[in-house]
Amino acid sequence: MEIGSRIKRARHELRLTLKDVEAAAGVSATHVSEIERGEASPTLGSLSRIARALGKTPAFFLEENEIGEFSLVSAKNRVREIVGRNARKSGGAVIERLTAGVPGGRLQVRRVELPPGSSYRAGRHAHAGFEALWVVRGRVLVAVDDQTWELAEGDAVHYDATLAHTYTNASRESHAALIWMATRRDAD
């Protein structure tokens, strides 16, 4: 993993000089140059400031696999997994990742198929970021904080994911399918 070479490449793509980065990040041009050459390691604070100056997140420079500016996930290469408390009994929820699963990525999109009466997780949960659901097929019961909605095919909802939330197939007879989208809070 070469943090310095990634910083240098990002700086060159933006046609910025070391002095430009120094002015925007508050990190000396000399230190940025040392980081780029692998002669110094940035602190988390300086990496955050450099990343912001280059229009990136610190994760862009830290991920084992470099995060690209775009990602293509073809239908044949989609990652599919079965999750949920009923995974052994009823097959559980089938999750298809529609975006590359890069940790630290700002946006995640998945297609979720819920067996009758099942939910993606056993209970309510919360985390940083925002979520949106769009029901493709069936009916889905969505609970966020003290609100509950039953969404039908074509309905959508978005919410602050720091509020306790969960979603469940509202039907006991048929599968429900939805598109789930999530962003990190700092993706604003």
N, C-alpha and C. Protein backbone atom coordinates (compact mmCIF):
# COMPACT_ATOMS: atom_id res chain seq x y z
N MET A 1 0.85 -1.17 0.00
CA MET A 1 0.00 0.00 0.00
C MET A 1 0.90 1.24 0.00
N GLU A 2 0.76 2.07 -0.96
CA GLU A 2 1.60 3.24 -1.12
C GLU A 2 0.77 4.51 -0.99
N ILE A 3 0.65 5.01 0.23
CA ILE A 3 -0.12 6.22 0.48
C ILE A 3 0.47 7.39 -0.30
N GLY A 4 1.80 7.51 -0.23
CA GLY A 4 2.48 8.62 -0.89
C GLY A 4 2.25 8.67 -2.38
N SER A 5 2.35 7.52 -3.04
CA SER A 5 2.16 7.51 -4.50
C SER A 5 0.72 7.84 -4.87
N ARG A 6 -0.22 7.43 -4.02
CA ARG A 6 -1.63 7.77 -4.28
C ARG A 6 -1.86 9.28 -4.12
N ILE A 7 -1.23 9.86 -3.09
CA ILE A 7 -1.35 11.30 -2.89
C ILE A 7 -0.76 12.04 -4.09
N LYS A 8 0.42 11.62 -4.53
CA LYS A 8 1.07 12.28 -5.66
C LYS A 8 0.23 12.17 -6.93
N ARG A 9 -0.31 10.96 -7.18
CA ARG A 9 -1.14 10.77 -8.37
C ARG A 9 -2.38 11.66 -8.32
N ALA A 10 -3.04 11.73 -7.14
CA ALA A 10 -4.24 12.57 -7.00
C ALA A 10 -3.88 14.05 -7.19
N ARG A 11 -2.74 14.45 -6.66
CA ARG A 11 -2.30 15.84 -6.80
C ARG A 11 -2.03 16.17 -8.27
N HIS A 12 -1.35 15.26 -8.97
CA HIS A 12 -1.05 15.49 -10.39
C HIS A 12 -2.32 15.50 -11.23
N GLU A 13 -3.28 14.63 -10.92
CA GLU A 13 -4.54 14.62 -11.67
C GLU A 13 -5.26 15.97 -11.57
N LEU A 14 -5.11 16.63 -10.42
CA LEU A 14 -5.73 17.94 -10.22
C LEU A 14 -4.82 19.09 -10.67
N ARG A 15 -3.62 18.73 -11.14
CA ARG A 15 -2.63 19.72 -11.59
C ARG A 15 -2.30 20.72 -10.48
N LEU A 16 -2.13 20.19 -9.27
CA LEU A 16 -1.77 21.02 -8.12
C LEU A 16 -0.29 20.88 -7.83
N THR A 17 0.31 21.96 -7.40
CA THR A 17 1.71 21.92 -6.97
C THR A 17 1.74 21.56 -5.49
N LEU A 18 2.92 21.25 -4.99
CA LEU A 18 3.07 20.99 -3.56
C LEU A 18 2.65 22.22 -2.75
N LYS A 19 2.97 23.41 -3.27
CA LYS A 19 2.59 24.66 -2.59
C LYS A 19 1.07 24.83 -2.58
N ASP A 20 0.38 24.40 -3.64
CA ASP A 20 -1.08 24.46 -3.67
C ASP A 20 -1.67 23.60 -2.55
N VAL A 21 -1.12 22.39 -2.39
CA VAL A 21 -1.60 21.48 -1.34
C VAL A 21 -1.29 22.07 0.03
N GLU A 22 -0.11 22.65 0.17
CA GLU A 22 0.27 23.28 1.44
C GLU A 22 -0.75 24.36 1.81
N ALA A 23 -1.10 25.20 0.85
CA ALA A 23 -2.04 26.29 1.12
C ALA A 23 -3.43 25.77 1.49
N ALA A 24 -3.87 24.72 0.81
CA ALA A 24 -5.21 24.19 1.06
C ALA A 24 -5.29 23.30 2.29
N ALA A 25 -4.19 22.59 2.60
CA ALA A 25 -4.23 21.60 3.68
C ALA A 25 -3.58 22.07 4.97
N GLY A 26 -2.74 23.09 4.87
CA GLY A 26 -2.03 23.52 6.07
C GLY A 26 -0.93 22.55 6.48
N VAL A 27 -0.45 21.76 5.53
CA VAL A 27 0.66 20.83 5.76
C VAL A 27 1.79 21.32 4.85
N SER A 28 2.98 21.45 5.40
CA SER A 28 4.08 22.03 4.62
C SER A 28 4.34 21.25 3.33
N ALA A 29 4.72 21.99 2.30
CA ALA A 29 5.04 21.38 1.01
C ALA A 29 6.17 20.37 1.17
N THR A 30 7.13 20.69 2.04
CA THR A 30 8.24 19.77 2.29
C THR A 30 7.74 18.45 2.85
N HIS A 31 6.83 18.53 3.82
CA HIS A 31 6.31 17.30 4.43
C HIS A 31 5.47 16.51 3.42
N VAL A 32 4.65 17.19 2.62
CA VAL A 32 3.86 16.50 1.59
C VAL A 32 4.80 15.79 0.62
N SER A 33 5.87 16.46 0.22
CA SER A 33 6.86 15.85 -0.68
C SER A 33 7.49 14.61 -0.04
N GLU A 34 7.84 14.70 1.25
CA GLU A 34 8.42 13.55 1.95
C GLU A 34 7.44 12.38 1.99
N ILE A 35 6.16 12.68 2.22
CA ILE A 35 5.13 11.63 2.24
C ILE A 35 5.03 10.99 0.86
N GLU A 36 4.98 11.82 -0.18
CA GLU A 36 4.87 11.30 -1.55
C GLU A 36 6.04 10.40 -1.92
N ARG A 37 7.23 10.71 -1.43
CA ARG A 37 8.42 9.92 -1.74
C ARG A 37 8.58 8.72 -0.81
N GLY A 38 7.69 8.56 0.17
CA GLY A 38 7.77 7.45 1.10
C GLY A 38 8.81 7.64 2.20
N GLU A 39 9.27 8.85 2.39
CA GLU A 39 10.27 9.15 3.41
C GLU A 39 9.65 9.51 4.75
N ALA A 40 8.35 9.75 4.76
CA ALA A 40 7.63 10.09 6.00
C ALA A 40 6.23 9.51 5.90
N SER A 41 5.65 9.27 7.05
CA SER A 41 4.27 8.81 7.11
C SER A 41 3.40 9.93 7.67
N PRO A 42 2.25 10.17 7.07
CA PRO A 42 1.40 11.24 7.58
C PRO A 42 0.69 10.81 8.87
N THR A 43 0.43 11.79 9.74
CA THR A 43 -0.44 11.51 10.88
C THR A 43 -1.85 11.44 10.34
N LEU A 44 -2.77 10.93 11.13
CA LEU A 44 -4.17 10.87 10.69
C LEU A 44 -4.70 12.27 10.41
N GLY A 45 -4.30 13.23 11.25
CA GLY A 45 -4.75 14.61 11.05
C GLY A 45 -4.24 15.20 9.75
N SER A 46 -2.95 15.02 9.47
CA SER A 46 -2.40 15.59 8.23
C SER A 46 -2.95 14.86 7.01
N LEU A 47 -3.16 13.54 7.12
CA LEU A 47 -3.75 12.80 5.99
C LEU A 47 -5.17 13.30 5.72
N SER A 48 -5.93 13.56 6.78
CA SER A 48 -7.30 14.08 6.61
C SER A 48 -7.28 15.42 5.91
N ARG A 49 -6.36 16.31 6.30
CA ARG A 49 -6.29 17.64 5.68
C ARG A 49 -5.82 17.54 4.21
N ILE A 50 -4.84 16.68 3.96
CA ILE A 50 -4.37 16.49 2.58
C ILE A 50 -5.49 15.91 1.72
N ALA A 51 -6.17 14.91 2.25
CA ALA A 51 -7.28 14.28 1.50
C ALA A 51 -8.34 15.32 1.15
N ARG A 52 -8.72 16.14 2.13
CA ARG A 52 -9.73 17.17 1.88
C ARG A 52 -9.25 18.13 0.80
N ALA A 53 -7.98 18.52 0.85
CA ALA A 53 -7.42 19.43 -0.16
C ALA A 53 -7.45 18.82 -1.56
N LEU A 54 -7.38 17.50 -1.62
CA LEU A 54 -7.38 16.79 -2.91
C LEU A 54 -8.78 16.29 -3.30
N GLY A 55 -9.79 16.63 -2.50
CA GLY A 55 -11.17 16.23 -2.82
C GLY A 55 -11.43 14.76 -2.61
N LYS A 56 -10.70 14.14 -1.69
CA LYS A 56 -10.84 12.70 -1.42
C LYS A 56 -11.14 12.51 0.06
N THR A 57 -11.42 11.27 0.43
CA THR A 57 -11.53 10.91 1.84
C THR A 57 -10.22 10.24 2.24
N PRO A 58 -9.89 10.24 3.53
CA PRO A 58 -8.67 9.52 3.94
C PRO A 58 -8.71 8.05 3.51
N ALA A 59 -9.90 7.45 3.48
CA ALA A 59 -10.03 6.04 3.08
C ALA A 59 -9.49 5.81 1.67
N PHE A 60 -9.61 6.79 0.81
CA PHE A 60 -9.11 6.67 -0.56
C PHE A 60 -7.63 6.31 -0.56
N PHE A 61 -6.89 6.85 0.39
CA PHE A 61 -5.44 6.62 0.45
C PHE A 61 -5.07 5.43 1.31
N LEU A 62 -5.99 4.97 2.16
CA LEU A 62 -5.68 3.89 3.10
C LEU A 62 -6.16 2.51 2.68
N GLU A 63 -7.15 2.43 1.82
CA GLU A 63 -7.70 1.14 1.43
C GLU A 63 -6.65 0.26 0.79
N GLU A 64 -6.74 -1.03 1.09
CA GLU A 64 -5.80 -1.98 0.50
C GLU A 64 -5.93 -1.96 -1.02
N ASN A 65 -7.18 -1.98 -1.50
CA ASN A 65 -7.44 -1.88 -2.93
C ASN A 65 -7.84 -0.45 -3.22
N GLU A 66 -7.19 0.15 -4.17
CA GLU A 66 -7.44 1.55 -4.47
C GLU A 66 -8.89 1.76 -4.90
N ILE A 67 -9.51 2.80 -4.35
CA ILE A 67 -10.89 3.12 -4.68
C ILE A 67 -10.88 3.91 -5.97
N GLY A 68 -11.58 3.43 -6.96
CA GLY A 68 -11.63 4.12 -8.24
C GLY A 68 -12.68 5.21 -8.23
N GLU A 69 -12.68 5.99 -9.28
CA GLU A 69 -13.66 7.06 -9.42
C GLU A 69 -15.02 6.51 -9.85
N PHE A 70 -15.04 5.29 -10.37
CA PHE A 70 -16.29 4.65 -10.74
C PHE A 70 -16.14 3.16 -10.53
N SER A 71 -17.26 2.49 -10.54
CA SER A 71 -17.24 1.04 -10.34
C SER A 71 -18.36 0.44 -11.18
N LEU A 72 -18.05 -0.61 -11.89
CA LEU A 72 -19.04 -1.32 -12.69
C LEU A 72 -19.22 -2.70 -12.09
N VAL A 73 -20.45 -3.05 -11.80
CA VAL A 73 -20.75 -4.38 -11.29
C VAL A 73 -21.71 -5.03 -12.28
N SER A 74 -21.21 -5.97 -13.06
CA SER A 74 -22.05 -6.63 -14.05
C SER A 74 -22.95 -7.66 -13.36
N ALA A 75 -24.03 -8.00 -14.00
CA ALA A 75 -24.99 -8.96 -13.42
C ALA A 75 -24.31 -10.29 -13.11
N LYS A 76 -23.41 -10.74 -13.96
CA LYS A 76 -22.78 -12.04 -13.73
C LYS A 76 -21.73 -12.00 -12.62
N ASN A 77 -21.23 -10.80 -12.28
CA ASN A 77 -20.20 -10.69 -11.26
C ASN A 77 -20.72 -10.16 -9.92
N ARG A 78 -22.04 -10.05 -9.77
CA ARG A 78 -22.60 -9.56 -8.52
C ARG A 78 -22.32 -10.52 -7.38
N VAL A 79 -21.97 -9.96 -6.24
CA VAL A 79 -21.79 -10.76 -5.04
C VAL A 79 -23.17 -11.00 -4.44
N ARG A 80 -23.51 -12.26 -4.23
CA ARG A 80 -24.79 -12.64 -3.62
C ARG A 80 -24.50 -13.36 -2.32
N GLU A 81 -25.26 -13.01 -1.29
CA GLU A 81 -25.10 -13.69 -0.01
C GLU A 81 -26.46 -13.86 0.64
N ILE A 82 -26.55 -14.84 1.51
CA ILE A 82 -27.77 -15.08 2.27
C ILE A 82 -27.48 -14.70 3.71
N VAL A 83 -28.32 -13.81 4.26
CA VAL A 83 -28.11 -13.32 5.62
C VAL A 83 -29.43 -13.33 6.39
N GLY A 84 -29.34 -13.14 7.68
CA GLY A 84 -30.54 -13.02 8.51
C GLY A 84 -30.70 -14.18 9.45
N ARG A 85 -31.52 -13.96 10.43
CA ARG A 85 -31.70 -14.96 11.49
C ARG A 85 -32.34 -16.24 10.99
N ASN A 86 -33.05 -16.18 9.85
CA ASN A 86 -33.72 -17.37 9.32
C ASN A 86 -32.92 -18.01 8.19
N ALA A 87 -31.65 -17.68 8.10
CA ALA A 87 -30.85 -18.14 6.96
C ALA A 87 -30.86 -19.66 6.81
N ARG A 88 -30.84 -20.40 7.91
CA ARG A 88 -30.81 -21.86 7.81
C ARG A 88 -32.21 -22.43 7.57
N LYS A 89 -33.23 -21.83 8.18
CA LYS A 89 -34.59 -22.37 8.07
C LYS A 89 -35.25 -22.04 6.74
N SER A 90 -35.30 -20.74 6.42
CA SER A 90 -36.09 -20.34 5.26
C SER A 90 -35.26 -19.74 4.13
N GLY A 91 -33.96 -19.84 4.21
CA GLY A 91 -33.13 -19.27 3.16
C GLY A 91 -32.68 -17.86 3.47
N GLY A 92 -33.29 -17.19 4.40
CA GLY A 92 -32.89 -15.84 4.79
C GLY A 92 -33.00 -14.84 3.66
N ALA A 93 -32.58 -13.63 3.94
CA ALA A 93 -32.61 -12.57 2.94
C ALA A 93 -31.49 -12.80 1.94
N VAL A 94 -31.79 -12.59 0.68
CA VAL A 94 -30.79 -12.69 -0.37
C VAL A 94 -30.35 -11.27 -0.71
N ILE A 95 -29.06 -11.02 -0.55
CA ILE A 95 -28.50 -9.69 -0.79
C ILE A 95 -27.63 -9.76 -2.03
N GLU A 96 -27.86 -8.84 -2.96
CA GLU A 96 -27.01 -8.70 -4.14
C GLU A 96 -26.38 -7.32 -4.09
N ARG A 97 -25.08 -7.26 -4.08
CA ARG A 97 -24.38 -5.97 -4.06
C ARG A 97 -24.38 -5.37 -5.46
N LEU A 98 -24.96 -4.18 -5.58
CA LEU A 98 -25.02 -3.50 -6.87
C LEU A 98 -23.90 -2.49 -7.03
N THR A 99 -23.17 -2.23 -5.95
CA THR A 99 -21.96 -1.41 -6.01
C THR A 99 -20.83 -2.22 -5.43
N ALA A 100 -19.62 -1.89 -5.83
CA ALA A 100 -18.46 -2.62 -5.32
C ALA A 100 -18.38 -2.46 -3.81
N GLY A 101 -18.03 -3.52 -3.13
CA GLY A 101 -17.97 -3.52 -1.68
C GLY A 101 -16.65 -3.02 -1.16
N VAL A 102 -16.32 -1.77 -1.40
CA VAL A 102 -15.07 -1.20 -0.94
C VAL A 102 -15.30 -0.59 0.42
N PRO A 103 -14.65 -1.09 1.46
CA PRO A 103 -14.81 -0.47 2.77
C PRO A 103 -14.44 1.00 2.70
N GLY A 104 -15.21 1.82 3.36
CA GLY A 104 -14.96 3.25 3.32
C GLY A 104 -15.60 3.93 2.12
N GLY A 105 -16.24 3.15 1.25
CA GLY A 105 -16.94 3.74 0.12
C GLY A 105 -18.08 4.60 0.61
N ARG A 106 -18.39 5.66 -0.11
CA ARG A 106 -19.41 6.60 0.34
C ARG A 106 -20.83 6.12 0.06
N LEU A 107 -21.01 5.26 -0.91
CA LEU A 107 -22.35 4.82 -1.28
C LEU A 107 -22.36 3.31 -1.45
N GLN A 108 -23.37 2.70 -0.90
CA GLN A 108 -23.59 1.26 -1.09
C GLN A 108 -25.01 1.09 -1.60
N VAL A 109 -25.18 0.24 -2.60
CA VAL A 109 -26.50 -0.06 -3.13
C VAL A 109 -26.62 -1.57 -3.22
N ARG A 110 -27.74 -2.09 -2.74
CA ARG A 110 -27.97 -3.53 -2.77
C ARG A 110 -29.40 -3.82 -3.16
N ARG A 111 -29.59 -4.95 -3.81
CA ARG A 111 -30.93 -5.49 -4.03
C ARG A 111 -31.15 -6.51 -2.93
N VAL A 112 -32.26 -6.39 -2.21
CA VAL A 112 -32.54 -7.28 -1.09
C VAL A 112 -33.85 -8.01 -1.37
N GLU A 113 -33.82 -9.33 -1.27
CA GLU A 113 -35.03 -10.13 -1.40
C GLU A 113 -35.32 -10.75 -0.04
N LEU A 114 -36.52 -10.48 0.47
CA LEU A 114 -36.92 -10.96 1.79
C LEU A 114 -37.95 -12.06 1.66
N PRO A 115 -37.69 -13.24 2.23
CA PRO A 115 -38.70 -14.30 2.25
C PRO A 115 -39.92 -13.85 3.06
N PRO A 116 -41.03 -14.51 2.92
CA PRO A 116 -42.24 -14.13 3.66
C PRO A 116 -41.98 -13.97 5.16
N GLY A 117 -42.41 -12.82 5.71
CA GLY A 117 -42.32 -12.57 7.13
C GLY A 117 -40.94 -12.34 7.70
N SER A 118 -39.91 -12.32 6.87
CA SER A 118 -38.55 -12.20 7.41
C SER A 118 -38.03 -10.77 7.31
N SER A 119 -36.96 -10.51 8.05
CA SER A 119 -36.31 -9.21 8.02
C SER A 119 -34.83 -9.41 7.70
N TYR A 120 -34.18 -8.33 7.37
CA TYR A 120 -32.76 -8.39 7.03
C TYR A 120 -31.92 -8.66 8.28
N ARG A 121 -32.28 -8.04 9.39
CA ARG A 121 -31.60 -8.24 10.66
C ARG A 121 -32.62 -8.66 11.70
N ALA A 122 -32.13 -9.24 12.79
CA ALA A 122 -33.03 -9.72 13.84
C ALA A 122 -33.74 -8.59 14.57
N GLY A 123 -33.14 -7.43 14.67
CA GLY A 123 -33.75 -6.32 15.40
C GLY A 123 -33.33 -4.98 14.84
N ARG A 124 -33.80 -3.96 15.52
CA ARG A 124 -33.44 -2.60 15.11
C ARG A 124 -31.95 -2.35 15.31
N HIS A 125 -31.40 -1.52 14.48
CA HIS A 125 -29.99 -1.16 14.57
C HIS A 125 -29.83 0.28 14.12
N ALA A 126 -28.69 0.87 14.39
CA ALA A 126 -28.40 2.25 14.00
C ALA A 126 -26.92 2.35 13.67
N HIS A 127 -26.59 3.29 12.82
CA HIS A 127 -25.20 3.54 12.42
C HIS A 127 -25.13 4.90 11.76
N ALA A 128 -23.93 5.42 11.60
CA ALA A 128 -23.76 6.71 10.95
C ALA A 128 -24.18 6.62 9.49
N GLY A 129 -24.75 7.68 8.97
CA GLY A 129 -25.10 7.74 7.56
C GLY A 129 -26.59 7.90 7.33
N PHE A 130 -26.98 7.68 6.09
CA PHE A 130 -28.37 7.78 5.67
C PHE A 130 -28.72 6.54 4.86
N GLU A 131 -29.97 6.16 4.88
CA GLU A 131 -30.44 5.03 4.09
C GLU A 131 -31.68 5.42 3.31
N ALA A 132 -31.90 4.72 2.22
CA ALA A 132 -33.13 4.86 1.44
C ALA A 132 -33.53 3.47 0.98
N LEU A 133 -34.82 3.22 0.94
CA LEU A 133 -35.37 1.96 0.46
C LEU A 133 -36.39 2.25 -0.64
N TRP A 134 -36.37 1.45 -1.68
CA TRP A 134 -37.37 1.53 -2.75
C TRP A 134 -37.90 0.12 -2.94
N VAL A 135 -39.20 -0.06 -2.77
CA VAL A 135 -39.81 -1.39 -2.88
C VAL A 135 -40.05 -1.71 -4.34
N VAL A 136 -39.44 -2.80 -4.80
CA VAL A 136 -39.56 -3.25 -6.18
C VAL A 136 -40.73 -4.22 -6.32
N ARG A 137 -40.91 -5.07 -5.30
CA ARG A 137 -41.98 -6.08 -5.34
C ARG A 137 -42.46 -6.35 -3.93
N GLY A 138 -43.76 -6.52 -3.77
CA GLY A 138 -44.32 -6.89 -2.47
C GLY A 138 -44.58 -5.71 -1.56
N ARG A 139 -44.63 -5.99 -0.26
CA ARG A 139 -44.88 -4.97 0.76
C ARG A 139 -43.82 -5.11 1.84
N VAL A 140 -43.30 -3.98 2.28
CA VAL A 140 -42.23 -3.97 3.28
C VAL A 140 -42.64 -3.05 4.43
N LEU A 141 -42.51 -3.57 5.64
CA LEU A 141 -42.78 -2.80 6.85
C LEU A 141 -41.46 -2.17 7.29
N VAL A 142 -41.42 -0.83 7.36
CA VAL A 142 -40.22 -0.09 7.73
C VAL A 142 -40.48 0.63 9.05
N ALA A 143 -39.60 0.40 10.01
CA ALA A 143 -39.70 1.08 11.31
C ALA A 143 -38.45 1.91 11.52
N VAL A 144 -38.65 3.20 11.79
CA VAL A 144 -37.55 4.12 12.05
C VAL A 144 -37.92 4.94 13.28
N ASP A 145 -37.11 4.81 14.32
CA ASP A 145 -37.37 5.51 15.58
C ASP A 145 -38.77 5.12 16.06
N ASP A 146 -39.68 6.07 16.20
CA ASP A 146 -41.03 5.73 16.67
C ASP A 146 -42.06 5.75 15.54
N GLN A 147 -41.60 5.75 14.28
CA GLN A 147 -42.48 5.75 13.11
C GLN A 147 -42.45 4.39 12.43
N THR A 148 -43.58 3.97 11.90
CA THR A 148 -43.66 2.73 11.13
C THR A 148 -44.50 2.98 9.88
N TRP A 149 -44.01 2.49 8.75
CA TRP A 149 -44.73 2.62 7.49
C TRP A 149 -44.80 1.27 6.80
N GLU A 150 -45.90 1.02 6.11
CA GLU A 150 -45.98 -0.15 5.24
C GLU A 150 -45.87 0.37 3.82
N LEU A 151 -44.78 0.00 3.16
CA LEU A 151 -44.52 0.45 1.80
C LEU A 151 -44.97 -0.62 0.81
N ALA A 152 -45.61 -0.19 -0.25
CA ALA A 152 -46.05 -1.09 -1.32
C ALA A 152 -45.12 -0.91 -2.51
N GLU A 153 -45.28 -1.77 -3.48
CA GLU A 153 -44.46 -1.72 -4.69
C GLU A 153 -44.42 -0.30 -5.25
N GLY A 154 -43.20 0.20 -5.49
CA GLY A 154 -43.03 1.55 -6.03
C GLY A 154 -42.83 2.62 -4.98
N ASP A 155 -43.16 2.34 -3.71
CA ASP A 155 -42.98 3.32 -2.64
C ASP A 155 -41.51 3.38 -2.23
N ALA A 156 -41.12 4.53 -1.66
CA ALA A 156 -39.75 4.71 -1.21
C ALA A 156 -39.73 5.53 0.07
N VAL A 157 -38.67 5.37 0.84
CA VAL A 157 -38.47 6.15 2.06
C VAL A 157 -36.97 6.37 2.24
N HIS A 158 -36.60 7.49 2.84
CA HIS A 158 -35.21 7.69 3.23
C HIS A 158 -35.20 8.22 4.66
N TYR A 159 -34.09 7.96 5.37
CA TYR A 159 -34.04 8.33 6.78
C TYR A 159 -32.59 8.42 7.25
N ASP A 160 -32.44 9.09 8.38
CA ASP A 160 -31.15 9.21 9.06
C ASP A 160 -30.90 7.88 9.75
N ALA A 161 -29.84 7.20 9.37
CA ALA A 161 -29.58 5.85 9.89
C ALA A 161 -29.06 5.84 11.33
N THR A 162 -28.84 7.03 11.92
CA THR A 162 -28.47 7.05 13.34
C THR A 162 -29.69 6.77 14.21
N LEU A 163 -30.89 6.82 13.60
CA LEU A 163 -32.12 6.45 14.31
C LEU A 163 -32.28 4.94 14.21
N ALA A 164 -32.72 4.30 15.28
CA ALA A 164 -32.91 2.84 15.27
C ALA A 164 -33.92 2.49 14.17
N HIS A 165 -33.56 1.50 13.34
CA HIS A 165 -34.42 1.17 12.21
C HIS A 165 -34.34 -0.32 11.87
N THR A 166 -35.35 -0.76 11.16
CA THR A 166 -35.39 -2.13 10.64
C THR A 166 -36.41 -2.19 9.52
N TYR A 167 -36.36 -3.21 8.71
CA TYR A 167 -37.39 -3.43 7.69
C TYR A 167 -37.66 -4.92 7.56
N THR A 168 -38.93 -5.23 7.30
CA THR A 168 -39.42 -6.61 7.29
C THR A 168 -40.39 -6.80 6.14
N ASN A 169 -40.40 -8.00 5.58
CA ASN A 169 -41.42 -8.34 4.59
C ASN A 169 -42.76 -8.37 5.31
N ALA A 170 -43.71 -7.56 4.86
CA ALA A 170 -45.01 -7.47 5.52
C ALA A 170 -45.92 -8.65 5.18
N SER A 171 -45.55 -9.43 4.19
CA SER A 171 -46.37 -10.56 3.76
C SER A 171 -45.89 -11.87 4.37
N ARG A 172 -46.83 -12.75 4.70
CA ARG A 172 -46.50 -14.10 5.19
C ARG A 172 -46.56 -15.12 4.04
N GLU A 173 -46.97 -14.65 2.84
CA GLU A 173 -47.15 -15.58 1.71
C GLU A 173 -46.15 -15.42 0.58
N SER A 174 -45.68 -14.20 0.34
CA SER A 174 -44.83 -14.00 -0.84
C SER A 174 -43.56 -13.21 -0.51
N HIS A 175 -42.58 -13.35 -1.38
CA HIS A 175 -41.31 -12.63 -1.22
C HIS A 175 -41.51 -11.13 -1.51
N ALA A 176 -40.66 -10.33 -0.91
CA ALA A 176 -40.61 -8.90 -1.20
C ALA A 176 -39.20 -8.60 -1.69
N ALA A 177 -39.09 -7.62 -2.56
CA ALA A 177 -37.77 -7.22 -3.07
C ALA A 177 -37.67 -5.70 -2.98
N LEU A 178 -36.49 -5.24 -2.62
CA LEU A 178 -36.28 -3.80 -2.51
C LEU A 178 -34.87 -3.44 -2.92
N ILE A 179 -34.69 -2.18 -3.24
CA ILE A 179 -33.36 -1.62 -3.47
C ILE A 179 -33.02 -0.82 -2.23
N TRP A 180 -31.88 -1.15 -1.63
CA TRP A 180 -31.42 -0.49 -0.40
C TRP A 180 -30.20 0.34 -0.75
N MET A 181 -30.19 1.59 -0.32
CA MET A 181 -29.06 2.49 -0.57
C MET A 181 -28.62 3.08 0.77
N ALA A 182 -27.32 3.20 0.97
CA ALA A 182 -26.81 3.79 2.20
C ALA A 182 -25.61 4.66 1.89
N THR A 183 -25.52 5.76 2.61
CA THR A 183 -24.35 6.62 2.53
C THR A 183 -23.78 6.81 3.91
N ARG A 184 -22.52 7.13 3.97
CA ARG A 184 -21.91 7.53 5.24
C ARG A 184 -22.31 8.96 5.52
N ARG A 185 -22.38 9.32 6.79
CA ARG A 185 -22.77 10.67 7.16
C ARG A 185 -21.83 11.71 6.55
N ASP A 186 -20.54 11.42 6.46
CA ASP A 186 -19.60 12.42 5.95
C ASP A 186 -19.60 12.50 4.43
N ALA A 187 -20.55 11.83 3.78
CA ALA A 187 -20.63 11.87 2.32
C ALA A 187 -21.40 13.09 1.82
N ASP A 188 -21.87 13.94 2.73
CA ASP A 188 -22.63 15.13 2.31
C ASP A 188 -21.80 16.03 1.42
